[in-house]
Amino acid sequence: MQKVDSTKVERIGTIASVMSVLMYVSYIPQIISNLSGTKGNPIQPLVAFINCTIWTAYGLLKKEKDWPIIWANIPGIFLGAATFITAIFSFN
């Protein structure tokens, strides 16, 4: 197996982290729709919330904190929870 340059690995990690954050930021239009009365399905954001919470805990509990994993998943905790809550409850 060929060794990969650590700079390339860092770039891949950065790109993956950015894509993860963008994936969770994409919940914002659904949150707006939920608040406007057009409710979305709450299951996927609930699962994303749980998944991101577990990954963040993993990153925090490692001997050496895994900051890319932590930062990539924190938005998913908050935006997944917000999307789930706004899909379940009425705020009118």
PDB file of N, CA and C in Angstrom:
ATOM      1  N   MET A   1       0.840  -1.177   0.000  1.00  0.00           N
ATOM      2  CA  MET A   1       0.000   0.000   0.000  1.00  0.00           C
ATOM      3  C   MET A   1       0.886   1.242   0.000  1.00  0.00           C
ATOM      4  N   GLN A   2       0.486   2.213  -0.772  1.00  0.00           N
ATOM      5  CA  GLN A   2       1.250   3.447  -0.921  1.00  0.00           C
ATOM      6  C   GLN A   2       0.955   4.405   0.232  1.00  0.00           C
ATOM      7  N   LYS A   3       2.011   5.052   0.751  1.00  0.00           N
ATOM      8  CA  LYS A   3       1.815   6.039   1.817  1.00  0.00           C
ATOM      9  C   LYS A   3       1.229   7.316   1.227  1.00  0.00           C
ATOM     10  N   VAL A   4       0.349   7.944   1.998  1.00  0.00           N
ATOM     11  CA  VAL A   4      -0.291   9.183   1.555  1.00  0.00           C
ATOM     12  C   VAL A   4       0.366  10.351   2.289  1.00  0.00           C
ATOM     13  N   ASP A   5       0.640  11.396   1.565  1.00  0.00           N
ATOM     14  CA  ASP A   5       1.232  12.613   2.114  1.00  0.00           C
ATOM     15  C   ASP A   5       0.306  13.183   3.194  1.00  0.00           C
ATOM     16  N   SER A   6       0.867  13.560   4.340  1.00  0.00           N
ATOM     17  CA  SER A   6       0.047  14.071   5.449  1.00  0.00           C
ATOM     18  C   SER A   6      -0.684  15.358   5.073  1.00  0.00           C
ATOM     19  N   THR A   7      -0.121  16.139   4.159  1.00  0.00           N
ATOM     20  CA  THR A   7      -0.806  17.350   3.695  1.00  0.00           C
ATOM     21  C   THR A   7      -2.089  16.990   2.967  1.00  0.00           C
ATOM     22  N   LYS A   8      -2.049  15.940   2.166  1.00  0.00           N
ATOM     23  CA  LYS A   8      -3.252  15.487   1.457  1.00  0.00           C
ATOM     24  C   LYS A   8      -4.303  15.000   2.444  1.00  0.00           C
ATOM     25  N   VAL A   9      -3.859  14.288   3.464  1.00  0.00           N
ATOM     26  CA  VAL A   9      -4.792  13.797   4.480  1.00  0.00           C
ATOM     27  C   VAL A   9      -5.450  14.976   5.196  1.00  0.00           C
ATOM     28  N   GLU A  10      -4.667  15.996   5.525  1.00  0.00           N
ATOM     29  CA  GLU A  10      -5.214  17.198   6.171  1.00  0.00           C
ATOM     30  C   GLU A  10      -6.236  17.884   5.275  1.00  0.00           C
ATOM     31  N   ARG A  11      -5.943  17.988   3.993  1.00  0.00           N
ATOM     32  CA  ARG A  11      -6.886  18.608   3.045  1.00  0.00           C
ATOM     33  C   ARG A  11      -8.189  17.823   2.982  1.00  0.00           C
ATOM     34  N   ILE A  12      -8.072  16.504   2.917  1.00  0.00           N
ATOM     35  CA  ILE A  12      -9.272  15.662   2.879  1.00  0.00           C
ATOM     36  C   ILE A  12     -10.084  15.868   4.159  1.00  0.00           C
ATOM     37  N   GLY A  13      -9.416  15.920   5.301  1.00  0.00           N
ATOM     38  CA  GLY A  13     -10.101  16.155   6.568  1.00  0.00           C
ATOM     39  C   GLY A  13     -10.805  17.496   6.606  1.00  0.00           C
ATOM     40  N   THR A  14     -10.147  18.515   6.087  1.00  0.00           N
ATOM     41  CA  THR A  14     -10.751  19.850   6.045  1.00  0.00           C
ATOM     42  C   THR A  14     -11.975  19.867   5.143  1.00  0.00           C
ATOM     43  N   ILE A  15     -11.846  19.279   3.966  1.00  0.00           N
ATOM     44  CA  ILE A  15     -12.980  19.217   3.029  1.00  0.00           C
ATOM     45  C   ILE A  15     -14.137  18.444   3.653  1.00  0.00           C
ATOM     46  N   ALA A  16     -13.839  17.317   4.295  1.00  0.00           N
ATOM     47  CA  ALA A  16     -14.888  16.510   4.929  1.00  0.00           C
ATOM     48  C   ALA A  16     -15.581  17.294   6.043  1.00  0.00           C
ATOM     49  N   SER A  17     -14.814  18.032   6.825  1.00  0.00           N
ATOM     50  CA  SER A  17     -15.402  18.833   7.904  1.00  0.00           C
ATOM     51  C   SER A  17     -16.302  19.931   7.354  1.00  0.00           C
ATOM     52  N   VAL A  18     -15.846  20.617   6.316  1.00  0.00           N
ATOM     53  CA  VAL A  18     -16.656  21.672   5.696  1.00  0.00           C
ATOM     54  C   VAL A  18     -17.944  21.087   5.131  1.00  0.00           C
ATOM     55  N   MET A  19     -17.853  19.953   4.453  1.00  0.00           N
ATOM     56  CA  MET A  19     -19.048  19.324   3.877  1.00  0.00           C
ATOM     57  C   MET A  19     -20.025  18.893   4.971  1.00  0.00           C
ATOM     58  N   SER A  20     -19.493  18.417   6.081  1.00  0.00           N
ATOM     59  CA  SER A  20     -20.352  18.024   7.196  1.00  0.00           C
ATOM     60  C   SER A  20     -21.115  19.230   7.738  1.00  0.00           C
ATOM     61  N   VAL A  21     -20.421  20.332   7.938  1.00  0.00           N
ATOM     62  CA  VAL A  21     -21.079  21.548   8.427  1.00  0.00           C
ATOM     63  C   VAL A  21     -22.140  22.014   7.431  1.00  0.00           C
ATOM     64  N   LEU A  22     -21.810  22.015   6.144  1.00  0.00           N
ATOM     65  CA  LEU A  22     -22.785  22.425   5.119  1.00  0.00           C
ATOM     66  C   LEU A  22     -24.007  21.512   5.113  1.00  0.00           C
ATOM     67  N   MET A  23     -23.795  20.222   5.349  1.00  0.00           N
ATOM     68  CA  MET A  23     -24.910  19.282   5.388  1.00  0.00           C
ATOM     69  C   MET A  23     -25.895  19.681   6.492  1.00  0.00           C
ATOM     70  N   TYR A  24     -25.390  20.073   7.651  1.00  0.00           N
ATOM     71  CA  TYR A  24     -26.278  20.430   8.749  1.00  0.00           C
ATOM     72  C   TYR A  24     -26.843  21.837   8.602  1.00  0.00           C
ATOM     73  N   VAL A  25     -26.100  22.747   7.993  1.00  0.00           N
ATOM     74  CA  VAL A  25     -26.624  24.087   7.720  1.00  0.00           C
ATOM     75  C   VAL A  25     -27.810  23.998   6.758  1.00  0.00           C
ATOM     76  N   SER A  26     -27.819  22.958   5.928  1.00  0.00           N
ATOM     77  CA  SER A  26     -28.932  22.796   4.983  1.00  0.00           C
ATOM     78  C   SER A  26     -30.256  22.504   5.689  1.00  0.00           C
ATOM     79  N   TYR A  27     -30.232  22.272   7.000  1.00  0.00           N
ATOM     80  CA  TYR A  27     -31.475  22.118   7.766  1.00  0.00           C
ATOM     81  C   TYR A  27     -32.203  23.450   7.944  1.00  0.00           C
ATOM     82  N   ILE A  28     -31.524  24.552   7.807  1.00  0.00           N
ATOM     83  CA  ILE A  28     -32.128  25.855   8.092  1.00  0.00           C
ATOM     84  C   ILE A  28     -33.402  26.105   7.282  1.00  0.00           C
ATOM     85  N   PRO A  29     -33.447  25.832   5.967  1.00  0.00           N
ATOM     86  CA  PRO A  29     -34.714  26.015   5.252  1.00  0.00           C
ATOM     87  C   PRO A  29     -35.843  25.133   5.803  1.00  0.00           C
ATOM     88  N   GLN A  30     -35.512  23.916   6.261  1.00  0.00           N
ATOM     89  CA  GLN A  30     -36.546  23.049   6.831  1.00  0.00           C
ATOM     90  C   GLN A  30     -37.035  23.609   8.158  1.00  0.00           C
ATOM     91  N   ILE A  31     -36.146  24.160   8.942  1.00  0.00           N
ATOM     92  CA  ILE A  31     -36.552  24.790  10.202  1.00  0.00           C
ATOM     93  C   ILE A  31     -37.510  25.941   9.915  1.00  0.00           C
ATOM     94  N   ILE A  32     -37.184  26.754   8.926  1.00  0.00           N
ATOM     95  CA  ILE A  32     -38.055  27.876   8.544  1.00  0.00           C
ATOM     96  C   ILE A  32     -39.415  27.359   8.087  1.00  0.00           C
ATOM     97  N   SER A  33     -39.430  26.304   7.267  1.00  0.00           N
ATOM     98  CA  SER A  33     -40.701  25.709   6.818  1.00  0.00           C
ATOM     99  C   SER A  33     -41.486  25.160   7.998  1.00  0.00           C
ATOM    100  N   ASN A  34     -40.796  24.478   8.913  1.00  0.00           N
ATOM    101  CA  ASN A  34     -41.469  23.939  10.093  1.00  0.00           C
ATOM    102  C   ASN A  34     -42.125  25.057  10.895  1.00  0.00           C
ATOM    103  N   LEU A  35     -41.411  26.152  11.081  1.00  0.00           N
ATOM    104  CA  LEU A  35     -41.949  27.279  11.847  1.00  0.00           C
ATOM    105  C   LEU A  35     -43.093  27.972  11.116  1.00  0.00           C
ATOM    106  N   SER A  36     -43.117  27.839   9.782  1.00  0.00           N
ATOM    107  CA  SER A  36     -44.190  28.439   8.973  1.00  0.00           C
ATOM    108  C   SER A  36     -45.416  27.543   8.885  1.00  0.00           C
ATOM    109  N   GLY A  37     -45.333  26.350   9.450  1.00  0.00           N
ATOM    110  CA  GLY A  37     -46.479  25.446   9.456  1.00  0.00           C
ATOM    111  C   GLY A  37     -46.391  24.286   8.491  1.00  0.00           C
ATOM    112  N   THR A  38     -45.403  24.264   7.608  1.00  0.00           N
ATOM    113  CA  THR A  38     -45.208  23.145   6.690  1.00  0.00           C
ATOM    114  C   THR A  38     -44.194  22.211   7.333  1.00  0.00           C
ATOM    115  N   LYS A  39     -44.708  21.251   8.094  1.00  0.00           N
ATOM    116  CA  LYS A  39     -43.848  20.386   8.900  1.00  0.00           C
ATOM    117  C   LYS A  39     -43.151  19.331   8.051  1.00  0.00           C
ATOM    118  N   GLY A  40     -41.877  19.122   8.342  1.00  0.00           N
ATOM    119  CA  GLY A  40     -41.113  18.053   7.706  1.00  0.00           C
ATOM    120  C   GLY A  40     -41.094  16.827   8.599  1.00  0.00           C
ATOM    121  N   ASN A  41     -40.553  15.744   8.076  1.00  0.00           N
ATOM    122  CA  ASN A  41     -40.431  14.509   8.840  1.00  0.00           C
ATOM    123  C   ASN A  41     -39.359  14.687   9.919  1.00  0.00           C
ATOM    124  N   PRO A  42     -39.669  14.377  11.183  1.00  0.00           N
ATOM    125  CA  PRO A  42     -38.710  14.609  12.259  1.00  0.00           C
ATOM    126  C   PRO A  42     -37.672  13.503  12.444  1.00  0.00           C
ATOM    127  N   ILE A  43     -37.842  12.353  11.790  1.00  0.00           N
ATOM    128  CA  ILE A  43     -36.979  11.202  12.059  1.00  0.00           C
ATOM    129  C   ILE A  43     -35.522  11.462  11.675  1.00  0.00           C
ATOM    130  N   GLN A  44     -35.265  11.920  10.456  1.00  0.00           N
ATOM    131  CA  GLN A  44     -33.884  12.101   9.997  1.00  0.00           C
ATOM    132  C   GLN A  44     -33.126  13.115  10.854  1.00  0.00           C
ATOM    133  N   PRO A  45     -33.697  14.292  11.163  1.00  0.00           N
ATOM    134  CA  PRO A  45     -32.945  15.210  12.022  1.00  0.00           C
ATOM    135  C   PRO A  45     -32.728  14.672  13.437  1.00  0.00           C
ATOM    136  N   LEU A  46     -33.655  13.865  13.943  1.00  0.00           N
ATOM    137  CA  LEU A  46     -33.459  13.243  15.255  1.00  0.00           C
ATOM    138  C   LEU A  46     -32.272  12.289  15.208  1.00  0.00           C
ATOM    139  N   VAL A  47     -32.213  11.469  14.169  1.00  0.00           N
ATOM    140  CA  VAL A  47     -31.099  10.528  14.016  1.00  0.00           C
ATOM    141  C   VAL A  47     -29.785  11.292  13.821  1.00  0.00           C
ATOM    142  N   ALA A  48     -29.814  12.379  13.057  1.00  0.00           N
ATOM    143  CA  ALA A  48     -28.610  13.200  12.868  1.00  0.00           C
ATOM    144  C   ALA A  48     -28.157  13.794  14.201  1.00  0.00           C
ATOM    145  N   PHE A  49     -29.098  14.271  14.998  1.00  0.00           N
ATOM    146  CA  PHE A  49     -28.784  14.813  16.320  1.00  0.00           C
ATOM    147  C   PHE A  49     -28.087  13.762  17.185  1.00  0.00           C
ATOM    148  N   ILE A  50     -28.654  12.560  17.230  1.00  0.00           N
ATOM    149  CA  ILE A  50     -28.067  11.476  18.030  1.00  0.00           C
ATOM    150  C   ILE A  50     -26.680  11.112  17.496  1.00  0.00           C
ATOM    151  N   ASN A  51     -26.574  10.955  16.177  1.00  0.00           N
ATOM    152  CA  ASN A  51     -25.303  10.610  15.547  1.00  0.00           C
ATOM    153  C   ASN A  51     -24.230  11.651  15.863  1.00  0.00           C
ATOM    154  N   CYS A  52     -24.569  12.919  15.708  1.00  0.00           N
ATOM    155  CA  CYS A  52     -23.594  13.988  15.949  1.00  0.00           C
ATOM    156  C   CYS A  52     -23.197  14.073  17.416  1.00  0.00           C
ATOM    157  N   THR A  53     -24.149  13.813  18.299  1.00  0.00           N
ATOM    158  CA  THR A  53     -23.841  13.809  19.726  1.00  0.00           C
ATOM    159  C   THR A  53     -22.839  12.705  20.049  1.00  0.00           C
ATOM    160  N   ILE A  54     -23.051  11.526  19.480  1.00  0.00           N
ATOM    161  CA  ILE A  54     -22.138  10.401  19.721  1.00  0.00           C
ATOM    162  C   ILE A  54     -20.752  10.691  19.145  1.00  0.00           C
ATOM    163  N   TRP A  55     -20.693  11.207  17.907  1.00  0.00           N
ATOM    164  CA  TRP A  55     -19.398  11.516  17.293  1.00  0.00           C
ATOM    165  C   TRP A  55     -18.670  12.611  18.065  1.00  0.00           C
ATOM    166  N   THR A  56     -19.397  13.610  18.546  1.00  0.00           N
ATOM    167  CA  THR A  56     -18.767  14.676  19.326  1.00  0.00           C
ATOM    168  C   THR A  56     -18.222  14.119  20.636  1.00  0.00           C
ATOM    169  N   ALA A  57     -18.998  13.277  21.300  1.00  0.00           N
ATOM    170  CA  ALA A  57     -18.522  12.640  22.531  1.00  0.00           C
ATOM    171  C   ALA A  57     -17.268  11.815  22.255  1.00  0.00           C
ATOM    172  N   TYR A  58     -17.270  11.074  21.167  1.00  0.00           N
ATOM    173  CA  TYR A  58     -16.102  10.281  20.774  1.00  0.00           C
ATOM    174  C   TYR A  58     -14.880  11.185  20.609  1.00  0.00           C
ATOM    175  N   GLY A  59     -15.044  12.281  19.874  1.00  0.00           N
ATOM    176  CA  GLY A  59     -13.931  13.201  19.653  1.00  0.00           C
ATOM    177  C   GLY A  59     -13.421  13.831  20.938  1.00  0.00           C
ATOM    178  N   LEU A  60     -14.329  14.118  21.864  1.00  0.00           N
ATOM    179  CA  LEU A  60     -13.947  14.730  23.135  1.00  0.00           C
ATOM    180  C   LEU A  60     -13.305  13.739  24.097  1.00  0.00           C
ATOM    181  N   LEU A  61     -13.729  12.481  24.036  1.00  0.00           N
ATOM    182  CA  LEU A  61     -13.264  11.483  24.995  1.00  0.00           C
ATOM    183  C   LEU A  61     -11.977  10.776  24.585  1.00  0.00           C
ATOM    184  N   LYS A  62     -11.548  10.959  23.347  1.00  0.00           N
ATOM    185  CA  LYS A  62     -10.286  10.358  22.922  1.00  0.00           C
ATOM    186  C   LYS A  62      -9.138  10.938  23.746  1.00  0.00           C
ATOM    187  N   LYS A  63      -8.075  10.157  23.892  1.00  0.00           N
ATOM    188  CA  LYS A  63      -6.912  10.619  24.647  1.00  0.00           C
ATOM    189  C   LYS A  63      -6.433  11.968  24.108  1.00  0.00           C
ATOM    190  N   GLU A  64      -6.275  12.057  22.781  1.00  0.00           N
ATOM    191  CA  GLU A  64      -6.005  13.335  22.128  1.00  0.00           C
ATOM    192  C   GLU A  64      -7.296  13.758  21.442  1.00  0.00           C
ATOM    193  N   LYS A  65      -7.888  14.848  21.897  1.00  0.00           N
ATOM    194  CA  LYS A  65      -9.171  15.286  21.332  1.00  0.00           C
ATOM    195  C   LYS A  65      -9.081  15.382  19.812  1.00  0.00           C
ATOM    196  N   ASP A  66     -10.119  14.915  19.145  1.00  0.00           N
ATOM    197  CA  ASP A  66     -10.167  14.923  17.680  1.00  0.00           C
ATOM    198  C   ASP A  66     -11.000  16.122  17.244  1.00  0.00           C
ATOM    199  N   TRP A  67     -10.347  17.287  17.164  1.00  0.00           N
ATOM    200  CA  TRP A  67     -11.050  18.537  16.906  1.00  0.00           C
ATOM    201  C   TRP A  67     -11.793  18.574  15.573  1.00  0.00           C
ATOM    202  N   PRO A  68     -11.252  18.044  14.479  1.00  0.00           N
ATOM    203  CA  PRO A  68     -12.043  18.054  13.238  1.00  0.00           C
ATOM    204  C   PRO A  68     -13.372  17.309  13.382  1.00  0.00           C
ATOM    205  N   ILE A  69     -13.362  16.180  14.064  1.00  0.00           N
ATOM    206  CA  ILE A  69     -14.612  15.436  14.277  1.00  0.00           C
ATOM    207  C   ILE A  69     -15.549  16.238  15.175  1.00  0.00           C
ATOM    208  N   ILE A  70     -15.005  16.833  16.203  1.00  0.00           N
ATOM    209  CA  ILE A  70     -15.829  17.623  17.128  1.00  0.00           C
ATOM    210  C   ILE A  70     -16.485  18.794  16.399  1.00  0.00           C
ATOM    211  N   TRP A  71     -15.674  19.615  15.717  1.00  0.00           N
ATOM    212  CA  TRP A  71     -16.203  20.805  15.046  1.00  0.00           C
ATOM    213  C   TRP A  71     -17.133  20.458  13.895  1.00  0.00           C
ATOM    214  N   ALA A  72     -16.887  19.341  13.230  1.00  0.00           N
ATOM    215  CA  ALA A  72     -17.755  18.946  12.117  1.00  0.00           C
ATOM    216  C   ALA A  72     -19.132  18.504  12.596  1.00  0.00           C
ATOM    217  N   ASN A  73     -19.235  18.049  13.840  1.00  0.00           N
ATOM    218  CA  ASN A  73     -20.502  17.508  14.330  1.00  0.00           C
ATOM    219  C   ASN A  73     -21.283  18.436  15.248  1.00  0.00           C
ATOM    220  N   ILE A  74     -20.650  19.438  15.815  1.00  0.00           N
ATOM    221  CA  ILE A  74     -21.372  20.366  16.700  1.00  0.00           C
ATOM    222  C   ILE A  74     -22.558  21.035  15.999  1.00  0.00           C
ATOM    223  N   PRO A  75     -22.421  21.523  14.756  1.00  0.00           N
ATOM    224  CA  PRO A  75     -23.601  22.114  14.105  1.00  0.00           C
ATOM    225  C   PRO A  75     -24.749  21.115  13.968  1.00  0.00           C
ATOM    226  N   GLY A  76     -24.424  19.856  13.747  1.00  0.00           N
ATOM    227  CA  GLY A  76     -25.459  18.831  13.618  1.00  0.00           C
ATOM    228  C   GLY A  76     -26.230  18.607  14.902  1.00  0.00           C
ATOM    229  N   ILE A  77     -25.567  18.792  16.034  1.00  0.00           N
ATOM    230  CA  ILE A  77     -26.262  18.659  17.317  1.00  0.00           C
ATOM    231  C   ILE A  77     -27.332  19.740  17.420  1.00  0.00           C
ATOM    232  N   PHE A  78     -26.930  20.981  17.214  1.00  0.00           N
ATOM    233  CA  PHE A  78     -27.858  22.101  17.388  1.00  0.00           C
ATOM    234  C   PHE A  78     -28.907  22.182  16.278  1.00  0.00           C
ATOM    235  N   LEU A  79     -28.471  22.044  15.034  1.00  0.00           N
ATOM    236  CA  LEU A  79     -29.424  22.171  13.923  1.00  0.00           C
ATOM    237  C   LEU A  79     -30.303  20.932  13.789  1.00  0.00           C
ATOM    238  N   GLY A  80     -29.770  19.747  14.091  1.00  0.00           N
ATOM    239  CA  GLY A  80     -30.600  18.538  14.101  1.00  0.00           C
ATOM    240  C   GLY A  80     -31.675  18.633  15.169  1.00  0.00           C
ATOM    241  N   ALA A  81     -31.278  19.092  16.367  1.00  0.00           N
ATOM    242  CA  ALA A  81     -32.247  19.256  17.456  1.00  0.00           C
ATOM    243  C   ALA A  81     -33.293  20.304  17.105  1.00  0.00           C
ATOM    244  N   ALA A  82     -32.857  21.433  16.555  1.00  0.00           N
ATOM    245  CA  ALA A  82     -33.802  22.499  16.188  1.00  0.00           C
ATOM    246  C   ALA A  82     -34.777  22.027  15.120  1.00  0.00           C
ATOM    247  N   THR A  83     -34.281  21.288  14.136  1.00  0.00           N
ATOM    248  CA  THR A  83     -35.157  20.783  13.072  1.00  0.00           C
ATOM    249  C   THR A  83     -36.154  19.785  13.636  1.00  0.00           C
ATOM    250  N   PHE A  84     -35.689  18.893  14.496  1.00  0.00           N
ATOM    251  CA  PHE A  84     -36.576  17.910  15.124  1.00  0.00           C
ATOM    252  C   PHE A  84     -37.645  18.603  15.965  1.00  0.00           C
ATOM    253  N   ILE A  85     -37.234  19.519  16.816  1.00  0.00           N
ATOM    254  CA  ILE A  85     -38.173  20.199  17.715  1.00  0.00           C
ATOM    255  C   ILE A  85     -39.204  21.002  16.931  1.00  0.00           C
ATOM    256  N   THR A  86     -38.757  21.725  15.904  1.00  0.00           N
ATOM    257  CA  THR A  86     -39.713  22.528  15.130  1.00  0.00           C
ATOM    258  C   THR A  86     -40.629  21.666  14.272  1.00  0.00           C
ATOM    259  N   ALA A  87     -40.208  20.434  13.955  1.00  0.00           N
ATOM    260  CA  ALA A  87     -41.073  19.525  13.195  1.00  0.00           C
ATOM    261  C   ALA A  87     -42.146  18.900  14.086  1.00  0.00           C
ATOM    262  N   ILE A  88     -41.883  18.812  15.376  1.00  0.00           N
ATOM    263  CA  ILE A  88     -42.801  18.159  16.316  1.00  0.00           C
ATOM    264  C   ILE A  88     -43.795  19.147  16.934  1.00  0.00           C
ATOM    265  N   PHE A  89     -43.307  20.295  17.340  1.00  0.00           N
ATOM    266  CA  PHE A  89     -44.121  21.243  18.094  1.00  0.00           C
ATOM    267  C   PHE A  89     -44.587  22.405  17.229  1.00  0.00           C
ATOM    268  N   SER A  90     -45.730  22.980  17.600  1.00  0.00           N
ATOM    269  CA  SER A  90     -46.242  24.180  16.927  1.00  0.00           C
ATOM    270  C   SER A  90     -45.812  25.403  17.715  1.00  0.00           C
ATOM    271  N   PHE A  91     -45.409  26.421  16.996  1.00  0.00           N
ATOM    272  CA  PHE A  91     -44.941  27.650  17.635  1.00  0.00           C
ATOM    273  C   PHE A  91     -45.785  28.848  17.211  1.00  0.00           C
ATOM    274  N   ASN A  92     -47.004  28.583  16.740  1.00  0.00           N
ATOM    275  CA  ASN A  92     -47.892  29.667  16.289  1.00  0.00           C
ATOM    276  C   ASN A  92     -48.798  30.101  17.410  1.00  0.00           C
TER     277      ASN A  92
END
